[in-house]
Amino acid sequence: MAVPVAIFVAVSRNNVIGRDGDMPWRLSTDLKRFKAMTLGKPMVVGRKTLDSFGGKPLPGRPHVVVTRNRDLSVEGVETAASLEQAISRAREIAAATGAGEVGILGGGEIYAKAIDLADRLYVTHVEADIADGDTMFPAIDPTVYEKIEEIFVPAGERDSFATRFAVYSRRSMPK
């Protein structure tokens, strides 16, 4: 069986995930959970998302970047010409390292394609509407994904907003 693919995303009530190349909130509590859930797992990201990380991969996670730039060379990062190639390579890495799943970290274009391929969604629903966002997350189709877990997380002192962390599982295998 293929290594499962999971999307990790924080999204506002009106489906915003980004503004001006960054997230429009600070969620320290969520970032701690994200780190714990993704350490050691291969991550698939778009080039703009890699740029939002300061042009470097997140520590402790192999990265495969989807890019048209064949000359992109960043230490600790592999490149792929398509999302499908990136997922295939990330699955190879996961199988070789014993990681239980592959993570998709965005951005918007990657998520729009990956939502049709993912087995699981880890979604931080940010309790806010962001009026000036420029990057969106696609709607989660309840006929495709079933919410299997949800917890409310009040805003801590280093969080811009309260959140609801939800896990969605694909109702049937992806095509």
Foldseek 3Di string as FASTA:
>chain_A
DFQAEEEEAEAEPVFFGAAPLEGPWWAPVVVVVVCVVAAQAEEEEEQSVCVSVVVADDPRYQYEYADPDPPDDYPRYHYDPDLVVRLVVSRVSCVVRVPRHYYYYDDQVSQVVCLLQGFKYWYKYFHDDDDRGDGGHDDNDCVFKPWDDKDWAAGDPRTPGTTITIMIGTPDHHD
